Amino acid sequence: YIRNVALISVPEINLQVVKLNFNPPSLGQELIILAKSVNFGKDNLYVNKTLVSQVTAANSIFKISAQYDQGFYGAALVDNNGDTLGMVDFRSQKPIVVSSRVIDDVLNGYLTKIKK
């Protein structure tokens, strides 16, 4: 089968490609978790505020304090400028953040691979 990734902007409905922010957040910074699930014609939008609870010394990894919600799998983690800092997933009901740097590396690796 063929796997493709499409990153598009649609000006007619003001839909833009997400802007990835590679700068680590500050300890205590408020962020927003955004998710939308599509379940057989019934869309649900999940929005939750969260705080940055830990940042590593190298500023490469950060943790958030978010309540478990099964709707948040693969949700965007957004700052107050609307930039995406990463993606939130839950393991054992604890939030795991995949940083925007990792997302960018995966996408660039994929695009490099399909160009060959």
N, C-alpha and C. Protein backbone atom coordinates (compact mmCIF):
# COMPACT_ATOMS: atom_id res chain seq x y z
N TYR A 1 0.84 -1.18 0.00
CA TYR A 1 0.00 0.00 0.00
C TYR A 1 0.88 1.24 0.00
N ILE A 2 0.31 2.35 -0.35
CA ILE A 2 1.04 3.61 -0.43
C ILE A 2 0.70 4.46 0.78
N ARG A 3 1.75 5.01 1.42
CA ARG A 3 1.55 5.90 2.57
C ARG A 3 1.95 7.31 2.15
N ASN A 4 1.08 8.25 2.38
CA ASN A 4 1.37 9.64 2.05
C ASN A 4 1.00 10.54 3.21
N VAL A 5 1.75 11.60 3.36
CA VAL A 5 1.45 12.61 4.35
C VAL A 5 1.15 13.90 3.60
N ALA A 6 0.04 14.54 3.93
CA ALA A 6 -0.32 15.79 3.26
C ALA A 6 -0.35 16.90 4.30
N LEU A 7 0.43 17.94 4.07
CA LEU A 7 0.39 19.14 4.89
C LEU A 7 -0.10 20.25 3.99
N ILE A 8 -1.29 20.74 4.28
CA ILE A 8 -1.91 21.70 3.37
C ILE A 8 -2.40 22.93 4.12
N SER A 9 -2.63 23.97 3.37
CA SER A 9 -3.38 25.10 3.90
C SER A 9 -4.56 25.32 2.96
N VAL A 10 -5.67 25.70 3.53
CA VAL A 10 -6.88 25.91 2.74
C VAL A 10 -7.38 27.32 3.02
N PRO A 11 -7.00 28.30 2.14
CA PRO A 11 -7.34 29.70 2.39
C PRO A 11 -8.85 29.97 2.44
N GLU A 12 -9.65 29.19 1.72
CA GLU A 12 -11.09 29.44 1.67
C GLU A 12 -11.73 29.35 3.05
N ILE A 13 -11.19 28.49 3.92
CA ILE A 13 -11.76 28.36 5.25
C ILE A 13 -10.75 28.76 6.33
N ASN A 14 -9.72 29.49 5.92
CA ASN A 14 -8.69 30.00 6.82
C ASN A 14 -8.01 28.88 7.62
N LEU A 15 -7.75 27.76 6.97
CA LEU A 15 -7.06 26.64 7.60
C LEU A 15 -5.61 26.67 7.16
N GLN A 16 -4.71 26.77 8.12
CA GLN A 16 -3.28 26.87 7.83
C GLN A 16 -2.54 25.67 8.37
N VAL A 17 -1.39 25.41 7.81
CA VAL A 17 -0.51 24.38 8.34
C VAL A 17 -0.07 24.81 9.73
N VAL A 18 0.00 23.86 10.65
CA VAL A 18 0.39 24.22 12.02
C VAL A 18 1.82 24.74 12.04
N LYS A 19 2.06 25.67 12.93
CA LYS A 19 3.40 26.20 13.12
C LYS A 19 4.01 25.50 14.33
N LEU A 20 5.11 24.78 14.09
CA LEU A 20 5.78 24.09 15.18
C LEU A 20 6.73 25.05 15.88
N ASN A 21 6.63 25.08 17.19
CA ASN A 21 7.50 25.92 18.01
C ASN A 21 8.54 25.01 18.66
N PHE A 22 9.82 25.21 18.33
CA PHE A 22 10.88 24.35 18.84
C PHE A 22 11.46 24.84 20.16
N ASN A 23 11.05 26.01 20.63
CA ASN A 23 11.56 26.54 21.88
C ASN A 23 10.87 25.84 23.05
N PRO A 24 11.64 25.40 24.04
CA PRO A 24 11.01 24.75 25.19
C PRO A 24 10.19 25.75 26.00
N PRO A 25 9.10 25.30 26.58
CA PRO A 25 8.30 26.20 27.42
C PRO A 25 8.98 26.43 28.76
N SER A 26 8.47 27.40 29.48
CA SER A 26 8.99 27.72 30.82
C SER A 26 8.26 26.89 31.87
N LEU A 27 8.94 26.62 32.95
CA LEU A 27 8.33 25.93 34.08
C LEU A 27 7.14 26.75 34.56
N GLY A 28 5.98 26.12 34.70
CA GLY A 28 4.77 26.81 35.14
C GLY A 28 3.97 27.46 34.03
N GLN A 29 4.49 27.44 32.79
CA GLN A 29 3.78 28.07 31.67
C GLN A 29 2.47 27.33 31.40
N GLU A 30 1.41 28.09 31.14
CA GLU A 30 0.12 27.51 30.82
C GLU A 30 0.08 27.15 29.34
N LEU A 31 -0.37 25.93 29.04
CA LEU A 31 -0.52 25.45 27.68
C LEU A 31 -1.93 24.90 27.52
N ILE A 32 -2.32 24.63 26.28
CA ILE A 32 -3.65 24.11 26.00
C ILE A 32 -3.52 22.81 25.22
N ILE A 33 -4.28 21.81 25.64
CA ILE A 33 -4.36 20.55 24.91
C ILE A 33 -5.62 20.61 24.05
N LEU A 34 -5.44 20.42 22.74
CA LEU A 34 -6.56 20.44 21.80
C LEU A 34 -6.67 19.11 21.07
N ALA A 35 -7.85 18.53 21.07
CA ALA A 35 -8.07 17.27 20.36
C ALA A 35 -9.48 17.26 19.78
N LYS A 36 -9.60 16.58 18.68
CA LYS A 36 -10.92 16.41 18.06
C LYS A 36 -11.04 14.94 17.69
N SER A 37 -12.08 14.31 18.19
CA SER A 37 -12.31 12.92 17.81
C SER A 37 -13.53 12.85 16.90
N VAL A 38 -13.43 11.99 15.95
CA VAL A 38 -14.54 11.77 15.02
C VAL A 38 -15.05 10.36 15.28
N ASN A 39 -16.29 10.28 15.73
CA ASN A 39 -16.84 9.00 16.11
C ASN A 39 -18.17 8.77 15.41
N PHE A 40 -18.11 8.18 14.23
CA PHE A 40 -19.31 7.84 13.48
C PHE A 40 -20.27 9.02 13.30
N GLY A 41 -19.73 10.13 12.84
CA GLY A 41 -20.55 11.29 12.54
C GLY A 41 -20.72 12.24 13.70
N LYS A 42 -20.30 11.85 14.88
CA LYS A 42 -20.42 12.74 16.04
C LYS A 42 -19.02 13.22 16.41
N ASP A 43 -18.73 14.48 16.11
CA ASP A 43 -17.42 15.05 16.43
C ASP A 43 -17.41 15.56 17.86
N ASN A 44 -16.32 15.34 18.54
CA ASN A 44 -16.14 15.86 19.90
C ASN A 44 -14.86 16.66 19.93
N LEU A 45 -14.93 17.85 20.50
CA LEU A 45 -13.76 18.69 20.66
C LEU A 45 -13.37 18.68 22.13
N TYR A 46 -12.10 18.39 22.39
CA TYR A 46 -11.58 18.36 23.74
C TYR A 46 -10.61 19.52 23.91
N VAL A 47 -10.77 20.29 24.96
CA VAL A 47 -9.88 21.40 25.27
C VAL A 47 -9.59 21.32 26.77
N ASN A 48 -8.31 21.40 27.10
CA ASN A 48 -7.93 21.32 28.50
C ASN A 48 -6.71 22.19 28.73
N LYS A 49 -6.74 23.00 29.78
CA LYS A 49 -5.56 23.78 30.16
C LYS A 49 -4.63 22.88 30.96
N THR A 50 -3.34 23.12 30.81
CA THR A 50 -2.35 22.37 31.56
C THR A 50 -1.16 23.27 31.86
N LEU A 51 -0.35 22.87 32.80
CA LEU A 51 0.84 23.62 33.16
C LEU A 51 2.08 22.77 32.92
N VAL A 52 3.17 23.44 32.58
CA VAL A 52 4.45 22.75 32.44
C VAL A 52 4.94 22.48 33.86
N SER A 53 5.13 21.19 34.18
CA SER A 53 5.49 20.82 35.54
C SER A 53 6.97 20.49 35.71
N GLN A 54 7.67 20.25 34.60
CA GLN A 54 9.10 19.95 34.68
C GLN A 54 9.76 20.23 33.34
N VAL A 55 10.96 20.80 33.39
CA VAL A 55 11.77 21.03 32.19
C VAL A 55 13.16 20.50 32.52
N THR A 56 13.75 19.69 31.63
CA THR A 56 15.07 19.14 31.92
C THR A 56 16.13 20.23 31.85
N ALA A 57 17.29 19.93 32.41
CA ALA A 57 18.39 20.90 32.44
C ALA A 57 18.80 21.32 31.03
N ALA A 58 18.73 20.41 30.09
CA ALA A 58 19.12 20.71 28.71
C ALA A 58 17.98 21.37 27.94
N ASN A 59 16.82 21.59 28.60
CA ASN A 59 15.63 22.17 27.95
C ASN A 59 15.17 21.36 26.74
N SER A 60 15.48 20.06 26.73
CA SER A 60 15.10 19.26 25.58
C SER A 60 13.83 18.45 25.83
N ILE A 61 13.50 18.22 27.09
CA ILE A 61 12.31 17.44 27.43
C ILE A 61 11.54 18.20 28.50
N PHE A 62 10.21 18.20 28.37
CA PHE A 62 9.39 18.82 29.40
C PHE A 62 8.19 17.95 29.69
N LYS A 63 7.64 18.10 30.89
CA LYS A 63 6.47 17.34 31.31
C LYS A 63 5.35 18.33 31.61
N ILE A 64 4.13 17.83 31.49
CA ILE A 64 2.96 18.64 31.80
C ILE A 64 2.14 17.94 32.88
N SER A 65 1.32 18.71 33.55
CA SER A 65 0.39 18.15 34.53
C SER A 65 -1.00 18.21 33.91
N ALA A 66 -1.46 17.09 33.40
CA ALA A 66 -2.77 17.05 32.75
C ALA A 66 -3.55 15.86 33.29
N GLN A 67 -4.84 16.07 33.49
CA GLN A 67 -5.70 14.98 33.93
C GLN A 67 -5.93 14.02 32.76
N TYR A 68 -5.98 12.75 33.06
CA TYR A 68 -6.22 11.74 32.04
C TYR A 68 -7.59 11.94 31.42
N ASP A 69 -7.64 11.89 30.11
CA ASP A 69 -8.89 11.94 29.36
C ASP A 69 -8.68 11.11 28.11
N GLN A 70 -9.50 10.10 27.94
CA GLN A 70 -9.29 9.19 26.81
C GLN A 70 -9.47 9.87 25.45
N GLY A 71 -9.98 11.08 25.43
CA GLY A 71 -10.12 11.81 24.17
C GLY A 71 -8.86 12.53 23.74
N PHE A 72 -7.84 12.55 24.60
CA PHE A 72 -6.64 13.33 24.32
C PHE A 72 -5.54 12.57 23.59
N TYR A 73 -5.74 11.37 23.18
CA TYR A 73 -4.70 10.62 22.48
C TYR A 73 -4.31 11.33 21.19
N GLY A 74 -3.04 11.67 21.05
CA GLY A 74 -2.56 12.34 19.85
C GLY A 74 -2.99 13.79 19.76
N ALA A 75 -3.30 14.41 20.88
CA ALA A 75 -3.78 15.79 20.89
C ALA A 75 -2.63 16.77 20.72
N ALA A 76 -2.94 17.93 20.17
CA ALA A 76 -1.94 18.99 20.00
C ALA A 76 -1.74 19.71 21.32
N LEU A 77 -0.48 20.07 21.60
CA LEU A 77 -0.14 20.87 22.77
C LEU A 77 0.24 22.25 22.25
N VAL A 78 -0.56 23.26 22.59
CA VAL A 78 -0.48 24.57 21.97
C VAL A 78 -0.16 25.64 23.02
N ASP A 79 0.68 26.62 22.62
CA ASP A 79 0.98 27.72 23.53
C ASP A 79 0.00 28.87 23.30
N ASN A 80 0.19 29.97 24.03
CA ASN A 80 -0.77 31.09 23.93
C ASN A 80 -0.67 31.87 22.62
N ASN A 81 0.31 31.55 21.78
CA ASN A 81 0.40 32.15 20.44
C ASN A 81 -0.25 31.28 19.37
N GLY A 82 -0.73 30.11 19.77
CA GLY A 82 -1.34 29.19 18.81
C GLY A 82 -0.32 28.29 18.13
N ASP A 83 0.94 28.34 18.58
CA ASP A 83 1.98 27.49 18.01
C ASP A 83 1.95 26.13 18.68
N THR A 84 2.27 25.09 17.93
CA THR A 84 2.26 23.73 18.45
C THR A 84 3.62 23.39 19.04
N LEU A 85 3.63 23.03 20.33
CA LEU A 85 4.85 22.65 21.04
C LEU A 85 5.07 21.15 21.00
N GLY A 86 4.03 20.41 20.68
CA GLY A 86 4.16 18.96 20.64
C GLY A 86 2.82 18.28 20.57
N MET A 87 2.86 16.99 20.85
CA MET A 87 1.68 16.15 20.81
C MET A 87 1.59 15.42 22.15
N VAL A 88 0.39 15.28 22.67
CA VAL A 88 0.18 14.63 23.96
C VAL A 88 -0.45 13.26 23.75
N ASP A 89 0.10 12.29 24.44
CA ASP A 89 -0.46 10.94 24.47
C ASP A 89 -0.46 10.51 25.93
N PHE A 90 -1.17 9.47 26.25
CA PHE A 90 -1.20 8.99 27.63
C PHE A 90 -0.74 7.54 27.69
N ARG A 91 0.11 7.24 28.65
CA ARG A 91 0.55 5.88 28.94
C ARG A 91 0.30 5.67 30.43
N SER A 92 -0.44 4.62 30.75
CA SER A 92 -0.81 4.34 32.15
C SER A 92 -1.44 5.57 32.79
N GLN A 93 -2.26 6.25 32.03
CA GLN A 93 -3.01 7.44 32.45
C GLN A 93 -2.12 8.61 32.85
N LYS A 94 -0.86 8.63 32.37
CA LYS A 94 0.04 9.76 32.61
C LYS A 94 0.37 10.40 31.27
N PRO A 95 0.40 11.75 31.23
CA PRO A 95 0.66 12.42 29.95
C PRO A 95 2.11 12.26 29.49
N ILE A 96 2.26 11.95 28.22
CA ILE A 96 3.56 11.86 27.57
C ILE A 96 3.57 12.91 26.47
N VAL A 97 4.61 13.75 26.43
CA VAL A 97 4.71 14.79 25.41
C VAL A 97 5.73 14.37 24.37
N VAL A 98 5.31 14.38 23.11
CA VAL A 98 6.23 14.21 21.99
C VAL A 98 6.49 15.62 21.48
N SER A 99 7.74 16.08 21.60
CA SER A 99 8.04 17.47 21.29
C SER A 99 7.93 17.76 19.80
N SER A 100 7.75 19.02 19.47
CA SER A 100 7.65 19.44 18.07
C SER A 100 8.95 19.14 17.32
N ARG A 101 10.08 19.14 18.02
CA ARG A 101 11.36 18.79 17.38
C ARG A 101 11.34 17.34 16.88
N VAL A 102 10.81 16.42 17.69
CA VAL A 102 10.69 15.02 17.29
C VAL A 102 9.73 14.89 16.11
N ILE A 103 8.61 15.59 16.17
CA ILE A 103 7.63 15.56 15.07
C ILE A 103 8.29 16.03 13.78
N ASP A 104 9.04 17.13 13.86
CA ASP A 104 9.72 17.68 12.69
C ASP A 104 10.75 16.69 12.14
N ASP A 105 11.51 16.04 13.02
CA ASP A 105 12.51 15.06 12.59
C ASP A 105 11.85 13.88 11.87
N VAL A 106 10.73 13.39 12.41
CA VAL A 106 10.01 12.27 11.78
C VAL A 106 9.49 12.67 10.41
N LEU A 107 8.85 13.84 10.31
CA LEU A 107 8.32 14.29 9.03
C LEU A 107 9.42 14.49 7.99
N ASN A 108 10.53 15.13 8.41
CA ASN A 108 11.63 15.34 7.47
C ASN A 108 12.26 14.03 7.04
N GLY A 109 12.38 13.08 7.97
CA GLY A 109 12.90 11.76 7.61
C GLY A 109 11.99 11.04 6.63
N TYR A 110 10.70 11.15 6.85
CA TYR A 110 9.73 10.53 5.95
C TYR A 110 9.80 11.15 4.56
N LEU A 111 9.82 12.49 4.51
CA LEU A 111 9.85 13.18 3.22
C LEU A 111 11.14 12.89 2.47
N THR A 112 12.27 12.78 3.18
CA THR A 112 13.55 12.44 2.56
C THR A 112 13.48 11.03 1.99
N LYS A 113 12.88 10.12 2.73
CA LYS A 113 12.80 8.72 2.31
C LYS A 113 11.95 8.56 1.06
N ILE A 114 10.81 9.25 0.98
CA ILE A 114 9.93 9.07 -0.19
C ILE A 114 10.47 9.77 -1.43
N LYS A 115 11.41 10.70 -1.28
CA LYS A 115 11.98 11.37 -2.43
C LYS A 115 13.00 10.50 -3.15
N LYS A 116 13.51 9.47 -2.46
CA LYS A 116 14.53 8.59 -3.05
C LYS A 116 13.94 7.62 -4.02
